C-alpha atoms as a PDB file:
ATOM      1  CA  UNK A   1      72.809 -54.885  32.129  1.00  0.00           C
ATOM      2  CA  UNK A   2      73.810 -51.990  33.769  1.00  0.00           C
ATOM      3  CA  UNK A   3      72.841 -48.158  33.276  1.00  0.00           C
ATOM      4  CA  UNK A   4      74.594 -45.042  34.965  1.00  0.00           C
ATOM      5  CA  UNK A   5      71.782 -42.270  35.485  1.00  0.00           C
ATOM      6  CA  UNK A   6      73.120 -39.303  37.611  1.00  0.00           C
ATOM      7  CA  UNK A   7      74.221 -40.685  41.124  1.00  0.00           C
ATOM      8  CA  UNK A   8      72.980 -44.205  40.800  1.00  0.00           C
ATOM      9  CA  UNK A   9      73.520 -47.100  38.595  1.00  0.00           C
ATOM     10  CA  UNK A  10      70.989 -49.239  37.793  1.00  0.00           C
ATOM     11  CA  UNK A  11      71.354 -53.185  37.528  1.00  0.00           C
ATOM     12  CA  UNK A  12      68.957 -55.018  35.951  1.00  0.00           C
ATOM     13  CA  UNK A  13      69.207 -58.648  37.945  1.00  0.00           C
ATOM     14  CA  UNK A  14      67.050 -61.777  36.289  1.00  0.00           C
ATOM     15  CA  UNK A  15      65.643 -64.298  39.002  1.00  0.00           C
ATOM     16  CA  UNK A  16      64.419 -67.789  37.596  1.00  0.00           C
ATOM     17  CA  UNK A  17      60.958 -69.497  39.396  1.00  0.00           C
ATOM     18  CA  UNK A  18      60.158 -72.383  37.618  1.00  0.00           C
ATOM     19  CA  UNK A  19      59.784 -72.040  33.952  1.00  0.00           C
ATOM     20  CA  UNK A  20      59.689 -67.751  34.193  1.00  0.00           C
ATOM     21  CA  UNK A  21      62.269 -65.289  34.492  1.00  0.00           C
ATOM     22  CA  UNK A  22      61.330 -62.521  36.791  1.00  0.00           C
ATOM     23  CA  UNK A  23      63.306 -59.034  36.982  1.00  0.00           C
ATOM     24  CA  UNK A  24      64.255 -57.033  39.707  1.00  0.00           C
ATOM     25  CA  UNK A  25      66.145 -53.550  39.552  1.00  0.00           C
ATOM     26  CA  UNK A  26      69.105 -52.928  41.872  1.00  0.00           C
ATOM     27  CA  UNK A  27      69.901 -49.410  42.437  1.00  0.00           C
ATOM     28  CA  UNK A  28      73.397 -48.452  43.759  1.00  0.00           C
ATOM     29  CA  UNK A  29      73.409 -44.813  44.781  1.00  0.00           C
ATOM     30  CA  UNK A  30      76.947 -43.646  44.458  1.00  0.00           C
ATOM     31  CA  UNK A  31      76.964 -40.815  47.287  1.00  0.00           C
ATOM     32  CA  UNK A  32      75.098 -43.098  49.932  1.00  0.00           C
ATOM     33  CA  UNK A  33      76.769 -46.493  48.830  1.00  0.00           C
ATOM     34  CA  UNK A  34      74.193 -48.430  49.264  1.00  0.00           C
ATOM     35  CA  UNK A  35      72.251 -50.773  47.106  1.00  0.00           C
ATOM     36  CA  UNK A  36      68.226 -50.089  46.895  1.00  0.00           C
ATOM     37  CA  UNK A  37      66.138 -53.276  45.418  1.00  0.00           C
ATOM     38  CA  UNK A  38      63.222 -52.644  43.324  1.00  0.00           C
ATOM     39  CA  UNK A  39      60.851 -55.529  42.814  1.00  0.00           C
ATOM     40  CA  UNK A  40      59.132 -55.958  39.228  1.00  0.00           C
ATOM     41  CA  UNK A  41      56.028 -57.256  41.037  1.00  0.00           C
ATOM     42  CA  UNK A  42      56.218 -60.711  39.871  1.00  0.00           C
ATOM     43  CA  UNK A  43      53.317 -62.045  41.353  1.00  0.00           C
ATOM     44  CA  UNK A  44      51.336 -59.659  39.098  1.00  0.00           C
ATOM     45  CA  UNK A  45      53.390 -60.835  36.276  1.00  0.00           C
ATOM     46  CA  UNK A  46      51.914 -64.324  37.209  1.00  0.00           C
ATOM     47  CA  UNK A  47      48.361 -63.079  37.821  1.00  0.00           C
ATOM     48  CA  UNK A  48      48.313 -61.163  34.235  1.00  0.00           C
ATOM     49  CA  UNK A  49      49.146 -64.617  32.698  1.00  0.00           C
ATOM     50  CA  UNK A  50      46.556 -66.259  34.554  1.00  0.00           C
ATOM     51  CA  UNK A  51      44.032 -63.555  33.828  1.00  0.00           C
ATOM     52  CA  UNK A  52      44.890 -63.568  30.035  1.00  0.00           C
ATOM     53  CA  UNK A  53      44.156 -67.305  30.241  1.00  0.00           C
ATOM     54  CA  UNK A  54      41.146 -67.050  32.008  1.00  0.00           C
ATOM     55  CA  UNK A  55      40.003 -64.201  29.388  1.00  0.00           C
ATOM     56  CA  UNK A  56      40.974 -66.320  26.347  1.00  0.00           C
ATOM     57  CA  UNK A  57      39.015 -69.338  28.073  1.00  0.00           C
ATOM     58  CA  UNK A  58      35.675 -67.441  29.086  1.00  0.00           C
ATOM     59  CA  UNK A  59      36.109 -66.078  25.207  1.00  0.00           C
ATOM     60  CA  UNK A  60      35.984 -70.024  23.707  1.00  0.00           C
ATOM     61  CA  UNK A  61      33.179 -70.367  26.214  1.00  0.00           C
ATOM     62  CA  UNK A  62      30.956 -67.798  25.140  1.00  0.00           C
ATOM     63  CA  UNK A  63      31.428 -68.281  21.943  1.00  0.00           C
ATOM     64  CA  UNK A  64      30.564 -72.001  21.882  1.00  0.00           C
ATOM     65  CA  UNK A  65      27.553 -71.019  23.824  1.00  0.00           C
ATOM     66  CA  UNK A  66      26.382 -68.214  21.781  1.00  0.00           C
ATOM     67  CA  UNK A  67      27.042 -70.460  18.545  1.00  0.00           C
ATOM     68  CA  UNK A  68      25.206 -73.185  19.702  1.00  0.00           C
ATOM     69  CA  UNK A  69      22.458 -70.868  20.989  1.00  0.00           C
ATOM     70  CA  UNK A  70      22.203 -69.179  17.696  1.00  0.00           C
ATOM     71  CA  UNK A  71      22.436 -72.836  15.719  1.00  0.00           C
ATOM     72  CA  UNK A  72      19.653 -74.186  17.828  1.00  0.00           C
ATOM     73  CA  UNK A  73      17.286 -71.205  17.349  1.00  0.00           C
ATOM     74  CA  UNK A  74      17.910 -71.900  13.609  1.00  0.00           C
ATOM     75  CA  UNK A  75      16.944 -75.742  13.602  1.00  0.00           C
ATOM     76  CA  UNK A  76      14.088 -74.580  16.476  1.00  0.00           C
ATOM     77  CA  UNK A  77      12.775 -72.890  13.019  1.00  0.00           C
ATOM     78  CA  UNK A  78      13.311 -75.913  10.905  1.00  0.00           C
ATOM     79  CA  UNK A  79      11.277 -77.859  13.518  1.00  0.00           C
ATOM     80  CA  UNK A  80       8.296 -75.904  13.771  1.00  0.00           C
ATOM     81  CA  UNK A  81       7.680 -75.303  10.051  1.00  0.00           C
ATOM     82  CA  UNK A  82       8.631 -79.380   9.575  1.00  0.00           C
ATOM     83  CA  UNK A  83       5.663 -80.091  12.142  1.00  0.00           C
ATOM     84  CA  UNK A  84       3.283 -77.693  10.531  1.00  0.00           C
ATOM     85  CA  UNK A  85       3.655 -79.105   7.200  1.00  0.00           C
ATOM     86  CA  UNK A  86       3.079 -82.367   8.586  1.00  0.00           C
ATOM     87  CA  UNK A  87       6.530 -83.595   7.819  1.00  0.00           C
ATOM     88  CA  UNK A  88       7.912 -86.043  10.862  1.00  0.00           C
ATOM     89  CA  UNK A  89      10.606 -84.793  12.876  1.00  0.00           C
ATOM     90  CA  UNK A  90      12.567 -88.226  14.114  1.00  0.00           C
ATOM     91  CA  UNK A  91      15.227 -86.470  15.935  1.00  0.00           C
ATOM     92  CA  UNK A  92      15.892 -83.042  17.369  1.00  0.00           C
ATOM     93  CA  UNK A  93      19.990 -83.057  18.667  1.00  0.00           C
ATOM     94  CA  UNK A  94      21.721 -80.647  21.108  1.00  0.00           C
ATOM     95  CA  UNK A  95      25.223 -80.562  19.755  1.00  0.00           C
ATOM     96  CA  UNK A  96      26.573 -82.841  16.709  1.00  0.00           C
ATOM     97  CA  UNK A  97      27.128 -86.724  16.987  1.00  0.00           C
ATOM     98  CA  UNK A  98      27.810 -89.316  18.512  1.00  0.00           C
ATOM     99  CA  UNK A  99      24.992 -89.115  20.720  1.00  0.00           C
ATOM    100  CA  UNK A 100      25.548 -89.037  24.428  1.00  0.00           C
ATOM    101  CA  UNK A 101      22.156 -89.768  25.532  1.00  0.00           C
ATOM    102  CA  UNK A 102      18.441 -89.500  24.653  1.00  0.00           C
ATOM    103  CA  UNK A 103      17.015 -86.918  26.881  1.00  0.00           C
ATOM    104  CA  UNK A 104      13.366 -87.511  26.399  1.00  0.00           C
ATOM    105  CA  UNK A 105      10.505 -88.039  23.554  1.00  0.00           C
ATOM    106  CA  UNK A 106       8.125 -85.581  22.823  1.00  0.00           C
ATOM    107  CA  UNK A 107       5.230 -86.032  20.066  1.00  0.00           C
ATOM    108  CA  UNK A 108       7.040 -88.565  18.344  1.00  0.00           C
ATOM    109  CA  UNK A 109      10.510 -86.497  18.558  1.00  0.00           C
ATOM    110  CA  UNK A 110      13.706 -88.003  20.156  1.00  0.00           C
ATOM    111  CA  UNK A 111      15.547 -84.928  21.770  1.00  0.00           C
ATOM    112  CA  UNK A 112      18.735 -85.734  22.281  1.00  0.00           C
ATOM    113  CA  UNK A 113      22.442 -84.643  23.582  1.00  0.00           C
ATOM    114  CA  UNK A 114      25.486 -85.042  21.617  1.00  0.00           C
ATOM    115  CA  UNK A 115      29.532 -85.102  22.029  1.00  0.00           C
ATOM    116  CA  UNK A 116      30.324 -81.917  19.731  1.00  0.00           C
ATOM    117  CA  UNK A 117      28.968 -79.036  21.509  1.00  0.00           C
ATOM    118  CA  UNK A 118      28.648 -76.687  18.104  1.00  0.00           C
ATOM    119  CA  UNK A 119      25.344 -76.479  17.214  1.00  0.00           C
ATOM    120  CA  UNK A 120      22.632 -78.659  16.686  1.00  0.00           C
ATOM    121  CA  UNK A 121      20.526 -80.519  14.045  1.00  0.00           C
ATOM    122  CA  UNK A 122      17.002 -81.723  12.893  1.00  0.00           C
ATOM    123  CA  UNK A 123      16.426 -84.889  11.431  1.00  0.00           C
ATOM    124  CA  UNK A 124      13.554 -85.223   9.177  1.00  0.00           C
ATOM    125  CA  UNK A 125      11.756 -88.693   7.817  1.00  0.00           C
ATOM    126  CA  UNK A 126      13.347 -89.719   4.430  1.00  0.00           C
ATOM    127  CA  UNK A 127      16.112 -87.351   4.867  1.00  0.00           C
ATOM    128  CA  UNK A 128      18.513 -90.476   4.800  1.00  0.00           C
ATOM    129  CA  UNK A 129      16.306 -92.909   3.173  1.00  0.00           C
ATOM    130  CA  UNK A 130      18.234 -95.516   0.526  1.00  0.00           C
ATOM    131  CA  UNK A 131      14.644 -96.490  -1.611  1.00  0.00           C
ATOM    132  CA  UNK A 132      12.569 -94.125  -3.081  1.00  0.00           C
ATOM    133  CA  UNK A 133       9.706 -96.127  -1.062  1.00  0.00           C
ATOM    134  CA  UNK A 134      11.174 -94.709   2.186  1.00  0.00           C
ATOM    135  CA  UNK A 135      12.260 -91.513   0.735  1.00  0.00           C
ATOM    136  CA  UNK A 136       8.472 -90.946  -0.393  1.00  0.00           C
ATOM    137  CA  UNK A 137       6.513 -92.177   2.567  1.00  0.00           C
ATOM    138  CA  UNK A 138       3.602 -90.078   4.124  1.00  0.00           C
ATOM    139  CA  UNK A 139       5.444 -87.839   6.647  1.00  0.00           C
ATOM    140  CA  UNK A 140       8.514 -87.730   4.862  1.00  0.00           C
ATOM    141  CA  UNK A 141      10.037 -84.331   3.634  1.00  0.00           C
ATOM    142  CA  UNK A 142      10.220 -85.533   0.041  1.00  0.00           C
ATOM    143  CA  UNK A 143       6.381 -86.344   0.354  1.00  0.00           C
ATOM    144  CA  UNK A 144       5.308 -82.687   1.435  1.00  0.00           C
ATOM    145  CA  UNK A 145       4.758 -80.193  -1.441  1.00  0.00           C
ATOM    146  CA  UNK A 146       7.346 -77.780  -3.059  1.00  0.00           C
ATOM    147  CA  UNK A 147       5.906 -74.856  -1.120  1.00  0.00           C
ATOM    148  CA  UNK A 148       6.289 -76.616   2.469  1.00  0.00           C
ATOM    149  CA  UNK A 149       9.897 -78.055   1.508  1.00  0.00           C
ATOM    150  CA  UNK A 150      10.750 -74.423   0.727  1.00  0.00           C
ATOM    151  CA  UNK A 151       9.185 -73.004   3.964  1.00  0.00           C
ATOM    152  CA  UNK A 152      11.019 -75.803   5.939  1.00  0.00           C
ATOM    153  CA  UNK A 153      14.385 -74.646   4.509  1.00  0.00           C
ATOM    154  CA  UNK A 154      13.806 -70.901   5.226  1.00  0.00           C
ATOM    155  CA  UNK A 155      11.990 -71.455   8.546  1.00  0.00           C
ATOM    156  CA  UNK A 156      15.889 -71.670   9.980  1.00  0.00           C
ATOM    157  CA  UNK A 157      17.001 -68.451   8.602  1.00  0.00           C
ATOM    158  CA  UNK A 158      13.684 -66.722   9.458  1.00  0.00           C
ATOM    159  CA  UNK A 159      13.996 -67.491  12.990  1.00  0.00           C
ATOM    160  CA  UNK A 160      17.542 -66.117  13.015  1.00  0.00           C
ATOM    161  CA  UNK A 161      16.594 -63.242  11.754  1.00  0.00           C
ATOM    162  CA  UNK A 162      13.386 -62.856  14.115  1.00  0.00           C
ATOM    163  CA  UNK A 163      15.496 -63.398  17.035  1.00  0.00           C
ATOM    164  CA  UNK A 164      18.011 -60.555  15.736  1.00  0.00           C
ATOM    165  CA  UNK A 165      15.124 -58.318  15.557  1.00  0.00           C
ATOM    166  CA  UNK A 166      13.425 -58.994  19.081  1.00  0.00           C
ATOM    167  CA  UNK A 167      17.281 -58.511  20.484  1.00  0.00           C
ATOM    168  CA  UNK A 168      17.730 -55.205  18.656  1.00  0.00           C
ATOM    169  CA  UNK A 169      14.327 -54.073  19.557  1.00  0.00           C
ATOM    170  CA  UNK A 170      14.674 -54.852  23.223  1.00  0.00           C
ATOM    171  CA  UNK A 171      17.978 -53.329  23.527  1.00  0.00           C
ATOM    172  CA  UNK A 172      17.309 -50.315  21.749  1.00  0.00           C
ATOM    173  CA  UNK A 173      13.945 -49.664  23.760  1.00  0.00           C
ATOM    174  CA  UNK A 174      14.390 -51.059  26.981  1.00  0.00           C
ATOM    175  CA  UNK A 175      17.865 -51.565  27.504  1.00  0.00           C
ATOM    176  CA  UNK A 176      18.517 -48.029  25.779  1.00  0.00           C
ATOM    177  CA  UNK A 177      21.746 -48.965  23.933  1.00  0.00           C
ATOM    178  CA  UNK A 178      21.128 -46.041  21.881  1.00  0.00           C
ATOM    179  CA  UNK A 179      21.280 -42.821  24.485  1.00  0.00           C
ATOM    180  CA  UNK A 180      18.019 -40.749  24.076  1.00  0.00           C
ATOM    181  CA  UNK A 181      17.829 -37.257  25.258  1.00  0.00           C
ATOM    182  CA  UNK A 182      14.286 -35.606  25.481  1.00  0.00           C
ATOM    183  CA  UNK A 183      15.883 -32.150  26.633  1.00  0.00           C
ATOM    184  CA  UNK A 184      19.416 -30.320  26.542  1.00  0.00           C
ATOM    185  CA  UNK A 185      18.929 -30.426  30.489  1.00  0.00           C
ATOM    186  CA  UNK A 186      19.193 -34.284  30.272  1.00  0.00           C
ATOM    187  CA  UNK A 187      22.009 -34.228  27.267  1.00  0.00           C
ATOM    188  CA  UNK A 188      24.042 -31.452  29.604  1.00  0.00           C
ATOM    189  CA  UNK A 189      23.593 -34.122  32.642  1.00  0.00           C
ATOM    190  CA  UNK A 190      24.802 -36.884  30.625  1.00  0.00           C
ATOM    191  CA  UNK A 191      28.108 -35.087  29.538  1.00  0.00           C
ATOM    192  CA  UNK A 192      28.753 -34.004  32.987  1.00  0.00           C
END
């Protein structure tokens, strides 16, 4: 490709390296009869591609970690409410099954690590029961009173709301997410 600009002709030359084409501008100055080669910084093109890949990768990792944290807090709410209502919690799972490993057992609850890293779950006694006898056995979810079952079901959402309230309270008071000016001088100082 050639362009004429005043005393110079500009040629755009493509150079293939691997699967990418990197361009150079060759400038021919008519008065001095010399070629000047101006690189288009192909190294920075490669770095830019790597940087974009890293940003996308970090975004995916952050999304998985935040979603998992949010779901685990939600499930922790169900766990606390069920234990408080006398319902036996058989398993608290980090991630979704199939199970990788049983981490530990605490007060009759198995804590497990599972293959899919999105969130977690709480398995209550009687949840997967086949017979009526197992479904309504002592310590099962169905054997709990109706207000206790409602409390167990609502506890997850309540924990999410509580965490959001704590994050915003800390962020707005300690983290100073919203600027607070106590005098005109401090406002002018921040504007400068």
